[in-house]
Amino acid sequence: MRRRSKRHLKKYLRSREQALDKYLRLFLDCFNSEQPLKAEGNFRLLLELTWLINSFIFVRLKLNPKWMKKQWFLDLLDVDDIKIKRDEVEIVGDIVWWAEGKDAVGKWWLPDHEPHWTGTYKVKIRGDLAGGYWVVEPVIANLQKAKFLKKNAAYEIEFGKGSTYMKVRSR
């Protein structure tokens, strides 16, 4: 697998930022707050936004010097709460990141994070003989649709706790 350049990651980030306004407008128009989050319509609308949030966090971590050389990956955001205002959505939840291989031991696990072993079931499913470890991180994402046409939506995402805390903002 070839390594992706920073330029490629930044172009990918800009394309996802352009898509955010479209999905955010659709979400604000079609989301039914009287139904549970797991209802079919709400779940599909929320899934698009969680993919976008995951993309923003992933790219920012890949560009971060502390994370870029490590072997890790993010699971999808698990949403706990949604607050909808007029042109703004706040999504609160947790995201899990995994570390595998040599990165799953030693200095990679910071003192304020408790790594959890993946267990044998993950070894069987994924075929990873070395196993791995995972950590749950809180995420708060504020998404605001664009005020003017042909502009990108604004977002502010708080990821992690303690030594992995990171705040990501759109331009």
C-alpha atoms as a PDB file:
ATOM      1  CA  MET A   1       0.000   0.000   0.000  1.00  0.00           C
ATOM      2  CA  ARG A   2       1.506   3.311  -1.000  1.00  0.00           C
ATOM      3  CA  ARG A   3       1.665   6.235   1.338  1.00  0.00           C
ATOM      4  CA  ARG A   4      -0.568   9.204   0.655  1.00  0.00           C
ATOM      5  CA  SER A   5       0.925  12.641   0.458  1.00  0.00           C
ATOM      6  CA  LYS A   6      -0.169  15.602   2.538  1.00  0.00           C
ATOM      7  CA  ARG A   7      -1.333  17.297  -0.652  1.00  0.00           C
ATOM      8  CA  HIS A   8      -3.653  14.416  -1.453  1.00  0.00           C
ATOM      9  CA  LEU A   9      -5.076  14.463   2.092  1.00  0.00           C
ATOM     10  CA  LYS A  10      -5.718  18.207   1.948  1.00  0.00           C
ATOM     11  CA  LYS A  11      -7.515  17.889  -1.403  1.00  0.00           C
ATOM     12  CA  TYR A  12      -9.641  15.102   0.056  1.00  0.00           C
ATOM     13  CA  LEU A  13     -10.435  17.274   3.087  1.00  0.00           C
ATOM     14  CA  ARG A  14     -11.595  20.176   0.878  1.00  0.00           C
ATOM     15  CA  SER A  15     -13.861  17.881  -1.157  1.00  0.00           C
ATOM     16  CA  ARG A  16     -15.469  16.563   2.053  1.00  0.00           C
ATOM     17  CA  GLU A  17     -15.943  20.146   3.302  1.00  0.00           C
ATOM     18  CA  GLN A  18     -17.829  20.962   0.100  1.00  0.00           C
ATOM     19  CA  ALA A  19     -20.100  17.949   0.616  1.00  0.00           C
ATOM     20  CA  LEU A  20     -20.855  18.952   4.231  1.00  0.00           C
ATOM     21  CA  ASP A  21     -23.140  21.858   3.304  1.00  0.00           C
ATOM     22  CA  LYS A  22     -25.268  19.669   1.021  1.00  0.00           C
ATOM     23  CA  TYR A  23     -25.718  16.908   3.628  1.00  0.00           C
ATOM     24  CA  LEU A  24     -26.266  19.367   6.455  1.00  0.00           C
ATOM     25  CA  ARG A  25     -29.081  21.122   4.566  1.00  0.00           C
ATOM     26  CA  LEU A  26     -30.680  17.748   3.798  1.00  0.00           C
ATOM     27  CA  PHE A  27     -30.337  16.719   7.451  1.00  0.00           C
ATOM     28  CA  LEU A  28     -31.934  19.929   8.766  1.00  0.00           C
ATOM     29  CA  ASP A  29     -34.838  19.646   6.294  1.00  0.00           C
ATOM     30  CA  CYS A  30     -35.604  15.933   6.746  1.00  0.00           C
ATOM     31  CA  PHE A  31     -34.588  14.962  10.300  1.00  0.00           C
ATOM     32  CA  ASN A  32     -37.584  14.048  12.454  1.00  0.00           C
ATOM     33  CA  SER A  33     -36.767  14.794  16.105  1.00  0.00           C
ATOM     34  CA  GLU A  34     -39.918  12.996  17.285  1.00  0.00           C
ATOM     35  CA  GLN A  35     -38.560   9.652  16.069  1.00  0.00           C
ATOM     36  CA  PRO A  36     -35.643   7.835  17.719  1.00  0.00           C
ATOM     37  CA  LEU A  37     -32.154   8.129  16.247  1.00  0.00           C
ATOM     38  CA  LYS A  38     -32.268   4.495  15.133  1.00  0.00           C
ATOM     39  CA  ALA A  39     -35.402   5.030  13.003  1.00  0.00           C
ATOM     40  CA  GLU A  40     -34.759   4.287   9.300  1.00  0.00           C
ATOM     41  CA  GLY A  41     -34.957   7.857   7.953  1.00  0.00           C
ATOM     42  CA  ASN A  42     -33.058   9.454  10.827  1.00  0.00           C
ATOM     43  CA  PHE A  43     -30.383   6.762  10.811  1.00  0.00           C
ATOM     44  CA  ARG A  44     -29.584   7.238   7.096  1.00  0.00           C
ATOM     45  CA  LEU A  45     -29.401  11.034   7.448  1.00  0.00           C
ATOM     46  CA  LEU A  46     -27.190  10.750  10.513  1.00  0.00           C
ATOM     47  CA  LEU A  47     -24.946   8.168   8.850  1.00  0.00           C
ATOM     48  CA  GLU A  48     -23.867  10.639   6.150  1.00  0.00           C
ATOM     49  CA  LEU A  49     -22.929  13.244   8.763  1.00  0.00           C
ATOM     50  CA  THR A  50     -21.012  10.729  10.896  1.00  0.00           C
ATOM     51  CA  TRP A  51     -18.991   9.683   7.834  1.00  0.00           C
ATOM     52  CA  LEU A  52     -18.115  13.313   7.177  1.00  0.00           C
ATOM     53  CA  ILE A  53     -17.117  13.938  10.804  1.00  0.00           C
ATOM     54  CA  ASN A  54     -15.030  10.767  10.726  1.00  0.00           C
ATOM     55  CA  SER A  55     -13.321  12.014   7.528  1.00  0.00           C
ATOM     56  CA  PHE A  56     -12.463  15.373   9.093  1.00  0.00           C
ATOM     57  CA  ILE A  57     -10.973  13.761  12.212  1.00  0.00           C
ATOM     58  CA  PHE A  58      -9.088  11.115  10.218  1.00  0.00           C
ATOM     59  CA  VAL A  59      -7.416  13.605   7.878  1.00  0.00           C
ATOM     60  CA  ARG A  60      -6.474  15.990  10.696  1.00  0.00           C
ATOM     61  CA  LEU A  61      -4.927  13.123  12.650  1.00  0.00           C
ATOM     62  CA  LYS A  62      -3.022  11.920   9.565  1.00  0.00           C
ATOM     63  CA  LEU A  63      -1.601  15.436   9.174  1.00  0.00           C
ATOM     64  CA  ASN A  64      -0.660  15.633  12.875  1.00  0.00           C
ATOM     65  CA  PRO A  65       3.025  14.732  13.499  1.00  0.00           C
ATOM     66  CA  LYS A  66       2.188  12.693  16.626  1.00  0.00           C
ATOM     67  CA  TRP A  67      -0.247  10.430  14.738  1.00  0.00           C
ATOM     68  CA  MET A  68       0.952  10.298  11.129  1.00  0.00           C
ATOM     69  CA  LYS A  69       3.644   7.629  11.500  1.00  0.00           C
ATOM     70  CA  LYS A  70       1.571   5.248  13.648  1.00  0.00           C
ATOM     71  CA  GLN A  71      -0.537   2.263  12.574  1.00  0.00           C
ATOM     72  CA  TRP A  72      -4.058   3.102  13.715  1.00  0.00           C
ATOM     73  CA  PHE A  73      -7.586   3.503  12.382  1.00  0.00           C
ATOM     74  CA  LEU A  74     -10.871   5.022  13.521  1.00  0.00           C
ATOM     75  CA  ASP A  75     -14.230   3.331  13.853  1.00  0.00           C
ATOM     76  CA  LEU A  76     -17.366   5.281  13.005  1.00  0.00           C
ATOM     77  CA  LEU A  77     -18.706   7.831  15.449  1.00  0.00           C
ATOM     78  CA  ASP A  78     -21.253   6.419  17.919  1.00  0.00           C
ATOM     79  CA  VAL A  79     -23.807   9.221  18.402  1.00  0.00           C
ATOM     80  CA  ASP A  80     -25.262   9.756  21.879  1.00  0.00           C
ATOM     81  CA  ASP A  81     -27.059  13.083  21.496  1.00  0.00           C
ATOM     82  CA  ILE A  82     -28.133  15.558  18.801  1.00  0.00           C
ATOM     83  CA  LYS A  83     -29.065  19.202  19.372  1.00  0.00           C
ATOM     84  CA  ILE A  84     -30.641  21.036  16.455  1.00  0.00           C
ATOM     85  CA  LYS A  85     -30.865  24.799  16.257  1.00  0.00           C
ATOM     86  CA  ARG A  86     -32.022  26.848  13.296  1.00  0.00           C
ATOM     87  CA  ASP A  87     -28.974  26.499  11.021  1.00  0.00           C
ATOM     88  CA  GLU A  88     -26.769  24.450  13.313  1.00  0.00           C
ATOM     89  CA  VAL A  89     -26.430  20.851  14.487  1.00  0.00           C
ATOM     90  CA  GLU A  90     -24.425  19.662  17.485  1.00  0.00           C
ATOM     91  CA  ILE A  91     -23.561  15.963  17.579  1.00  0.00           C
ATOM     92  CA  VAL A  92     -22.142  14.417  20.754  1.00  0.00           C
ATOM     93  CA  GLY A  93     -20.774  10.908  20.912  1.00  0.00           C
ATOM     94  CA  ASP A  94     -17.778   8.620  21.166  1.00  0.00           C
ATOM     95  CA  ILE A  95     -15.313   7.322  18.635  1.00  0.00           C
ATOM     96  CA  VAL A  96     -12.972   4.370  19.034  1.00  0.00           C
ATOM     97  CA  TRP A  97      -9.444   4.296  17.656  1.00  0.00           C
ATOM     98  CA  TRP A  98      -7.444   1.133  17.341  1.00  0.00           C
ATOM     99  CA  ALA A  99      -3.703   0.544  17.307  1.00  0.00           C
ATOM    100  CA  GLU A 100      -2.171  -2.591  15.865  1.00  0.00           C
ATOM    101  CA  GLY A 101       1.163  -4.328  15.571  1.00  0.00           C
ATOM    102  CA  LYS A 102       4.228  -2.578  17.027  1.00  0.00           C
ATOM    103  CA  ASP A 103       2.154   0.534  17.758  1.00  0.00           C
ATOM    104  CA  ALA A 104      -0.120  -1.372  20.108  1.00  0.00           C
ATOM    105  CA  VAL A 105       2.604  -1.633  22.771  1.00  0.00           C
ATOM    106  CA  GLY A 106       5.026   0.691  24.480  1.00  0.00           C
ATOM    107  CA  LYS A 107       5.090   4.484  24.319  1.00  0.00           C
ATOM    108  CA  TRP A 108       2.089   4.832  21.995  1.00  0.00           C
ATOM    109  CA  TRP A 109      -0.347   4.447  24.910  1.00  0.00           C
ATOM    110  CA  LEU A 110      -0.247   7.656  26.823  1.00  0.00           C
ATOM    111  CA  PRO A 111      -0.404   7.725  30.647  1.00  0.00           C
ATOM    112  CA  ASP A 112      -3.893   9.300  30.694  1.00  0.00           C
ATOM    113  CA  HIS A 113      -5.347   6.613  28.379  1.00  0.00           C
ATOM    114  CA  GLU A 114      -6.217   3.070  29.320  1.00  0.00           C
ATOM    115  CA  PRO A 115      -5.809   0.725  26.337  1.00  0.00           C
ATOM    116  CA  HIS A 116      -8.214  -2.214  26.060  1.00  0.00           C
ATOM    117  CA  TRP A 117      -7.093  -5.442  24.409  1.00  0.00           C
ATOM    118  CA  THR A 118      -9.103  -6.381  21.295  1.00  0.00           C
ATOM    119  CA  GLY A 119      -9.674  -9.906  22.475  1.00  0.00           C
ATOM    120  CA  THR A 120      -9.585 -13.180  20.595  1.00  0.00           C
ATOM    121  CA  TYR A 121     -12.819 -12.577  18.685  1.00  0.00           C
ATOM    122  CA  LYS A 122     -11.204  -9.638  16.837  1.00  0.00           C
ATOM    123  CA  VAL A 123      -8.188 -11.805  16.059  1.00  0.00           C
ATOM    124  CA  LYS A 124     -10.463 -14.412  14.468  1.00  0.00           C
ATOM    125  CA  ILE A 125     -12.558 -11.919  12.492  1.00  0.00           C
ATOM    126  CA  ARG A 126      -9.728  -9.736  11.231  1.00  0.00           C
ATOM    127  CA  GLY A 127      -7.022 -12.366  11.025  1.00  0.00           C
ATOM    128  CA  ASP A 128      -4.551 -10.230  12.971  1.00  0.00           C
ATOM    129  CA  LEU A 129      -2.339 -12.596  14.940  1.00  0.00           C
ATOM    130  CA  ALA A 130      -0.674  -9.789  16.890  1.00  0.00           C
ATOM    131  CA  GLY A 131      -3.973  -8.534  18.272  1.00  0.00           C
ATOM    132  CA  GLY A 132      -4.291  -4.875  19.046  1.00  0.00           C
ATOM    133  CA  TYR A 133      -5.657  -2.332  21.479  1.00  0.00           C
ATOM    134  CA  TRP A 134      -8.429   0.272  21.426  1.00  0.00           C
ATOM    135  CA  VAL A 135      -9.361   3.481  23.260  1.00  0.00           C
ATOM    136  CA  VAL A 136     -12.690   5.331  23.416  1.00  0.00           C
ATOM    137  CA  GLU A 137     -12.502   9.099  22.828  1.00  0.00           C
ATOM    138  CA  PRO A 138     -15.307  11.670  23.244  1.00  0.00           C
ATOM    139  CA  VAL A 139     -16.329  13.757  20.220  1.00  0.00           C
ATOM    140  CA  ILE A 140     -18.360  16.976  20.041  1.00  0.00           C
ATOM    141  CA  ALA A 141     -19.095  18.276  16.548  1.00  0.00           C
ATOM    142  CA  ASN A 142     -20.777  21.626  15.826  1.00  0.00           C
ATOM    143  CA  LEU A 143     -21.863  21.846  12.192  1.00  0.00           C
ATOM    144  CA  GLN A 144     -23.295  25.046  10.710  1.00  0.00           C
ATOM    145  CA  LYS A 145     -24.627  25.409   7.178  1.00  0.00           C
ATOM    146  CA  ALA A 146     -23.127  28.026   4.878  1.00  0.00           C
ATOM    147  CA  LYS A 147     -24.471  31.555   5.180  1.00  0.00           C
ATOM    148  CA  PHE A 148     -23.865  32.337   1.482  1.00  0.00           C
ATOM    149  CA  LEU A 149     -24.303  30.309  -1.686  1.00  0.00           C
ATOM    150  CA  LYS A 150     -21.236  28.507  -3.045  1.00  0.00           C
ATOM    151  CA  LYS A 151     -19.497  28.584   0.338  1.00  0.00           C
ATOM    152  CA  ASN A 152     -18.580  25.613   2.507  1.00  0.00           C
ATOM    153  CA  ALA A 153     -20.386  24.838   5.723  1.00  0.00           C
ATOM    154  CA  ALA A 154     -18.546  25.626   8.960  1.00  0.00           C
ATOM    155  CA  TYR A 155     -17.584  22.990  11.492  1.00  0.00           C
ATOM    156  CA  GLU A 156     -15.834  22.751  14.825  1.00  0.00           C
ATOM    157  CA  ILE A 157     -14.928  19.323  16.167  1.00  0.00           C
ATOM    158  CA  GLU A 158     -13.466  18.511  19.572  1.00  0.00           C
ATOM    159  CA  PHE A 159     -11.848  15.084  19.628  1.00  0.00           C
ATOM    160  CA  GLY A 160     -10.195  13.169  22.431  1.00  0.00           C
ATOM    161  CA  LYS A 161      -9.319  13.813  26.030  1.00  0.00           C
ATOM    162  CA  GLY A 162      -6.128  14.577  27.872  1.00  0.00           C
ATOM    163  CA  SER A 163      -3.022  14.171  25.757  1.00  0.00           C
ATOM    164  CA  THR A 164      -4.953  13.279  22.575  1.00  0.00           C
ATOM    165  CA  TYR A 165      -7.281  16.298  22.752  1.00  0.00           C
ATOM    166  CA  MET A 166      -7.579  18.123  19.448  1.00  0.00           C
ATOM    167  CA  LYS A 167      -9.875  20.918  18.269  1.00  0.00           C
ATOM    168  CA  VAL A 168     -10.508  21.078  14.513  1.00  0.00           C
ATOM    169  CA  ARG A 169     -12.105  24.053  12.789  1.00  0.00           C
ATOM    170  CA  SER A 170     -12.939  24.834   9.204  1.00  0.00           C
ATOM    171  CA  ARG A 171     -11.191  27.840   7.722  1.00  0.00           C
END
